[in-house]
Amino acid sequence: MIHLLLLIASLTGALALRTRNNWQTPCQDCRWQKSMRAFVVPPLLLLSTATALVLMGNHGPMAQGQYGTPPYAIALAFLTAALGIFLWQGLRSFITLRQVATQPMIDLLEQPAYLVEGDRPFIAQIGLWHPKLVLTQALLETLDSEHLNAVLRHEAAHQHFHDTFWFFWLSCLRRLTCWLPQTEALWQELLSLRELRADRWAAQEVDPLLLAEALYQVVSPPMEPELAAGFNHSELNPEDRLETRIQALLSPKPPMRANPWDWRYVGLVLLPFLVIPFHG
């Protein structure tokens, strides 16, 4: 019976964290922290609960016969789905990187880059911890050297923050808990904040007006954002996002601070493991 109550409690907690809808605030630093917390904590809570239930098994005094088997089966199925999603996303990333590695390399303003086919301007970091810079010939034909250098500073920001690595794992959580409320809204919010952060970081080294002008000149082709972090990646409502980024560039602000993680939520995620020692 305790197993079933633990499962219900974690699911209730995950739903409660997603339905609070308190991440939309004028402060970008606060938006980043609250959005990330609302996106990440619920699936991690469910994963920790499922792991605890599988470790305890469907036997013992706390399982209480027929009440222990359904939570155990649900937890095992959830962890299996998570593993499958992680492996599938990893395979997709591996295949994409292999395909990129077959493309010709060029020296782009003293930076190595891969030139891929495409009739629309595109540039992105593709990979995980050490991503590769990928662009199309159309981008070189669209931007002059000054605007191209501004775009490269934006891409350097993605590499500096290891956006491709962290958003790979976030995309796995997104697919695993797509059934939770606000998953897609939070995902789009994080994508938007990621680009705003890269713009602000790049604006420390180049004229923000150059970045804004480059945004107007470059139109994005379709690209899965969990596999790439780019200056012109595909999003929902691109016109609205473009206007938001332009306004942010024309109103310079300090770079986003790295907000510390709230340890209360770390404790919440680890809470299900405290039940394990009491399981006979």
Protein backbone atom coordinates (compact mmCIF):
# COMPACT_ATOMS: atom_id res chain seq x y z
CA MET A 1 0.00 0.00 0.00
CA ILE A 2 2.92 2.34 0.79
CA HIS A 3 4.25 1.74 -2.74
CA LEU A 4 0.99 2.89 -4.27
CA LEU A 5 0.85 5.96 -2.00
CA LEU A 6 4.44 6.87 -2.94
CA LEU A 7 3.58 6.65 -6.62
CA ILE A 8 0.44 8.77 -6.22
CA ALA A 9 2.28 11.34 -4.09
CA SER A 10 5.08 11.80 -6.65
CA LEU A 11 2.61 12.10 -9.53
CA THR A 12 0.58 14.66 -7.57
CA GLY A 13 3.73 16.60 -6.76
CA ALA A 14 4.83 16.60 -10.43
CA LEU A 15 1.43 17.85 -11.58
CA ALA A 16 1.37 20.52 -8.88
CA LEU A 17 4.79 21.87 -9.89
CA ARG A 18 3.71 22.06 -13.54
CA THR A 19 0.37 23.77 -12.94
CA ARG A 20 1.74 26.65 -10.82
CA ASN A 21 2.63 28.56 -14.02
CA ASN A 22 4.79 31.11 -12.15
CA TRP A 23 7.81 31.18 -14.46
CA GLN A 24 6.58 34.04 -16.63
CA THR A 25 8.18 37.13 -15.11
CA PRO A 26 9.84 40.25 -16.60
CA CYS A 27 13.16 39.32 -14.98
CA GLN A 28 15.04 37.10 -17.47
CA ASP A 29 17.31 35.66 -14.78
CA CYS A 30 14.25 34.67 -12.73
CA ARG A 31 12.52 33.29 -15.83
CA TRP A 32 15.48 31.06 -16.59
CA GLN A 33 15.67 29.66 -13.06
CA LYS A 34 11.92 29.17 -12.63
CA SER A 35 11.38 27.73 -16.11
CA MET A 36 14.24 25.28 -15.70
CA ARG A 37 12.96 24.23 -12.29
CA ALA A 38 9.40 23.73 -13.54
CA PHE A 39 10.63 21.77 -16.56
CA VAL A 40 13.23 19.55 -14.84
CA VAL A 41 12.01 18.82 -11.30
CA PRO A 42 8.74 16.97 -12.15
CA PRO A 43 10.33 14.36 -14.47
CA LEU A 44 13.29 13.90 -12.11
CA LEU A 45 10.87 13.36 -9.23
CA LEU A 46 9.04 10.71 -11.26
CA LEU A 47 12.32 9.07 -12.26
CA SER A 48 13.59 8.94 -8.68
CA THR A 49 10.28 7.51 -7.48
CA ALA A 50 10.29 4.87 -10.20
CA THR A 51 13.89 3.96 -9.36
CA ALA A 52 13.07 3.66 -5.65
CA LEU A 53 10.05 1.44 -6.37
CA VAL A 54 12.05 -0.86 -8.64
CA LEU A 55 14.85 -1.12 -6.06
CA MET A 56 12.32 -2.07 -3.37
CA GLY A 57 10.69 -4.63 -5.65
CA ASN A 58 7.16 -5.97 -5.45
CA HIS A 59 7.71 -7.97 -2.27
CA GLY A 60 8.25 -7.22 1.39
CA PRO A 61 5.97 -5.97 4.18
CA MET A 62 5.53 -2.52 2.62
CA ALA A 63 4.34 -3.98 -0.68
CA GLN A 64 1.39 -5.71 1.02
CA GLY A 65 0.58 -8.34 -1.59
CA GLN A 66 -1.50 -7.24 -4.55
CA TYR A 67 -0.88 -3.53 -3.80
CA GLY A 68 2.83 -3.83 -4.53
CA THR A 69 2.72 -5.31 -8.03
CA PRO A 70 0.97 -2.51 -10.04
CA PRO A 71 3.25 0.32 -8.77
CA TYR A 72 6.30 -1.87 -9.43
CA ALA A 73 5.11 -2.65 -12.97
CA ILE A 74 4.36 1.03 -13.69
CA ALA A 75 7.75 2.10 -12.34
CA LEU A 76 9.57 -0.54 -14.38
CA ALA A 77 7.71 0.48 -17.54
CA PHE A 78 8.51 4.16 -16.93
CA LEU A 79 12.23 3.48 -16.44
CA THR A 80 12.28 1.27 -19.54
CA ALA A 81 10.66 4.07 -21.57
CA ALA A 82 13.22 6.54 -20.20
CA LEU A 83 16.12 4.28 -21.16
CA GLY A 84 14.64 3.77 -24.62
CA ILE A 85 14.27 7.52 -25.18
CA PHE A 86 17.82 8.25 -23.98
CA LEU A 87 19.25 5.56 -26.28
CA TRP A 88 17.17 6.68 -29.26
CA GLN A 89 18.15 10.32 -28.84
CA GLY A 90 21.77 9.30 -28.41
CA LEU A 91 21.62 7.23 -31.62
CA ARG A 92 20.10 10.16 -33.51
CA SER A 93 22.87 12.44 -32.30
CA PHE A 94 25.52 9.90 -33.27
CA ILE A 95 24.09 9.51 -36.78
CA THR A 96 23.82 13.28 -37.23
CA LEU A 97 27.43 13.80 -36.16
CA ARG A 98 28.62 11.05 -38.52
CA GLN A 99 26.78 12.75 -41.38
CA VAL A 100 28.28 16.14 -40.49
CA ALA A 101 31.77 14.66 -40.40
CA THR A 102 31.45 13.62 -44.06
CA GLN A 103 30.89 17.23 -45.18
CA PRO A 104 33.73 19.46 -46.44
CA MET A 105 35.48 21.65 -43.88
CA ILE A 106 36.24 25.32 -44.39
CA ASP A 107 38.11 28.00 -42.46
CA LEU A 108 35.49 30.54 -41.38
CA LEU A 109 37.17 33.64 -39.97
CA GLU A 110 39.89 31.40 -38.49
CA GLN A 111 37.34 28.90 -37.15
CA PRO A 112 36.88 25.39 -38.56
CA ALA A 113 33.36 24.75 -39.83
CA TYR A 114 31.48 22.17 -41.88
CA LEU A 115 29.76 23.31 -45.04
CA VAL A 116 26.47 21.46 -45.69
CA GLU A 117 24.04 21.61 -48.58
CA GLY A 118 21.09 23.97 -48.29
CA ASP A 119 19.54 26.80 -50.23
CA ARG A 120 18.63 28.82 -47.09
CA PRO A 121 20.95 30.59 -44.62
CA PHE A 122 21.71 28.34 -41.67
CA ILE A 123 24.37 28.08 -38.97
CA ALA A 124 24.40 26.03 -35.77
CA GLN A 125 26.46 24.14 -33.24
CA ILE A 126 25.67 20.43 -33.62
CA GLY A 127 26.82 17.80 -31.15
CA LEU A 128 27.06 17.38 -27.39
CA TRP A 129 29.88 18.63 -25.12
CA HIS A 130 32.20 19.53 -28.02
CA PRO A 131 29.81 20.49 -30.84
CA LYS A 132 30.76 21.14 -34.44
CA LEU A 133 30.01 24.37 -36.28
CA VAL A 134 27.81 23.76 -39.33
CA LEU A 135 26.61 26.25 -41.93
CA THR A 136 25.31 26.53 -45.48
CA GLN A 137 26.77 28.34 -48.47
CA ALA A 138 23.61 30.47 -48.52
CA LEU A 139 24.64 31.99 -45.19
CA LEU A 140 28.03 33.04 -46.60
CA GLU A 141 26.28 34.63 -49.55
CA THR A 142 23.80 36.48 -47.32
CA LEU A 143 26.04 38.02 -44.65
CA ASP A 144 29.11 40.20 -44.99
CA SER A 145 32.17 39.64 -42.78
CA GLU A 146 31.02 41.98 -39.97
CA HIS A 147 27.58 40.40 -39.64
CA LEU A 148 29.07 36.93 -40.00
CA ASN A 149 31.50 37.64 -37.16
CA ALA A 150 28.57 38.77 -34.97
CA VAL A 151 26.76 35.51 -35.71
CA LEU A 152 29.91 33.53 -34.86
CA ARG A 153 30.03 35.27 -31.46
CA HIS A 154 26.47 34.06 -30.87
CA GLU A 155 27.51 30.51 -31.78
CA ALA A 156 30.52 30.82 -29.46
CA ALA A 157 28.09 31.60 -26.65
CA HIS A 158 26.26 28.32 -27.28
CA GLN A 159 29.58 26.50 -27.08
CA HIS A 160 30.57 28.42 -23.94
CA PHE A 161 27.37 27.39 -22.13
CA HIS A 162 27.42 23.84 -23.60
CA ASP A 163 23.84 24.39 -24.76
CA THR A 164 23.83 21.39 -27.11
CA PHE A 165 24.82 19.04 -24.27
CA TRP A 166 22.32 20.29 -21.71
CA PHE A 167 19.45 20.60 -24.19
CA PHE A 168 20.06 17.05 -25.35
CA TRP A 169 19.14 15.83 -21.87
CA LEU A 170 16.30 18.34 -21.58
CA SER A 171 14.89 17.06 -24.86
CA CYS A 172 14.92 13.52 -23.44
CA LEU A 173 12.92 14.70 -20.42
CA ARG A 174 10.57 16.54 -22.76
CA ARG A 175 9.78 13.38 -24.73
CA LEU A 176 9.51 11.25 -21.59
CA THR A 177 6.98 13.56 -19.91
CA CYS A 178 5.21 15.06 -22.93
CA TRP A 179 1.94 14.10 -21.19
CA LEU A 180 2.59 16.44 -18.25
CA PRO A 181 0.95 19.90 -18.36
CA GLN A 182 2.95 22.82 -19.80
CA THR A 183 5.73 20.62 -21.20
CA GLU A 184 5.73 22.21 -24.66
CA ALA A 185 5.21 25.74 -23.31
CA LEU A 186 8.19 25.36 -20.97
CA TRP A 187 10.31 23.84 -23.72
CA GLN A 188 9.65 26.79 -26.01
CA GLU A 189 10.34 29.18 -23.13
CA LEU A 190 13.72 27.56 -22.49
CA LEU A 191 14.60 27.69 -26.19
CA SER A 192 13.77 31.38 -26.26
CA LEU A 193 15.77 32.11 -23.10
CA ARG A 194 18.70 30.12 -24.48
CA GLU A 195 18.84 32.38 -27.54
CA LEU A 196 18.43 35.54 -25.48
CA ARG A 197 21.30 34.44 -23.25
CA ALA A 198 23.53 33.76 -26.27
CA ASP A 199 22.61 37.14 -27.79
CA ARG A 200 23.48 38.97 -24.57
CA TRP A 201 26.77 37.11 -24.24
CA ALA A 202 27.70 37.88 -27.86
CA ALA A 203 26.71 41.55 -27.45
CA GLN A 204 29.63 41.96 -25.03
CA GLU A 205 32.07 41.51 -27.94
CA VAL A 206 30.24 42.86 -30.99
CA ASP A 207 27.85 45.67 -31.76
CA PRO A 208 24.32 44.49 -30.77
CA LEU A 209 23.00 46.30 -33.85
CA LEU A 210 25.03 43.95 -36.08
CA LEU A 211 23.39 40.97 -34.39
CA ALA A 212 19.95 42.52 -34.81
CA GLU A 213 20.58 43.20 -38.50
CA ALA A 214 21.81 39.65 -39.02
CA LEU A 215 18.62 38.31 -37.45
CA TYR A 216 16.57 40.21 -40.01
CA GLN A 217 18.65 38.83 -42.88
CA VAL A 218 18.70 35.18 -41.87
CA VAL A 219 15.66 32.92 -42.18
CA SER A 220 15.74 29.54 -40.44
CA PRO A 221 15.19 26.19 -42.14
CA PRO A 222 13.60 23.37 -40.11
CA MET A 223 15.96 21.88 -37.53
CA GLU A 224 15.37 19.81 -34.42
CA PRO A 225 16.54 22.10 -31.57
CA GLU A 226 17.49 19.17 -29.33
CA LEU A 227 20.23 18.25 -31.82
CA ALA A 228 21.51 21.75 -32.49
CA ALA A 229 21.87 25.20 -30.99
CA GLY A 230 21.92 27.84 -33.66
CA PHE A 231 21.54 31.53 -34.39
CA ASN A 232 18.41 30.90 -36.45
CA HIS A 233 16.93 27.65 -35.14
CA SER A 234 13.30 26.73 -35.77
CA GLU A 235 10.74 27.61 -33.07
CA LEU A 236 7.07 28.17 -32.57
CA ASN A 237 5.89 31.71 -33.45
CA PRO A 238 9.23 32.75 -35.05
CA GLU A 239 7.99 36.28 -35.79
CA ASP A 240 7.22 36.91 -32.11
CA ARG A 241 10.55 35.45 -31.02
CA LEU A 242 12.39 37.55 -33.60
CA GLU A 243 10.80 40.72 -32.27
CA THR A 244 11.64 39.75 -28.70
CA ARG A 245 15.29 39.13 -29.55
CA ILE A 246 15.58 42.36 -31.52
CA GLN A 247 14.12 44.39 -28.66
CA ALA A 248 16.46 42.71 -26.18
CA LEU A 249 19.49 43.48 -28.36
CA LEU A 250 18.50 47.11 -28.72
CA SER A 251 18.08 47.41 -24.94
CA PRO A 252 21.44 46.09 -23.68
CA LYS A 253 21.49 44.34 -20.31
CA PRO A 254 24.20 42.52 -18.34
CA PRO A 255 24.71 38.82 -19.20
CA MET A 256 22.38 36.39 -17.48
CA ARG A 257 23.72 35.31 -14.12
CA ALA A 258 24.16 31.64 -13.33
CA ASN A 259 21.51 31.31 -10.65
CA PRO A 260 22.28 28.76 -7.95
CA TRP A 261 20.14 25.64 -7.83
CA ASP A 262 17.48 25.61 -5.14
CA TRP A 263 18.53 22.78 -2.85
CA ARG A 264 14.99 22.40 -1.54
CA TYR A 265 14.02 20.93 -4.89
CA VAL A 266 17.06 18.67 -4.91
CA GLY A 267 15.81 17.31 -1.58
CA LEU A 268 12.35 16.84 -3.07
CA VAL A 269 13.74 14.83 -5.97
CA LEU A 270 15.75 12.58 -3.61
CA LEU A 271 12.93 12.17 -1.09
CA PRO A 272 11.60 8.84 -2.51
CA PHE A 273 14.95 7.18 -1.77
CA LEU A 274 14.43 7.75 1.95
CA VAL A 275 11.70 5.12 1.88
CA ILE A 276 14.09 2.36 0.75
CA PRO A 277 15.76 1.68 4.15
CA PHE A 278 12.32 1.03 5.69
CA HIS A 279 11.52 -1.64 3.11
CA GLY A 280 11.96 -5.11 4.52
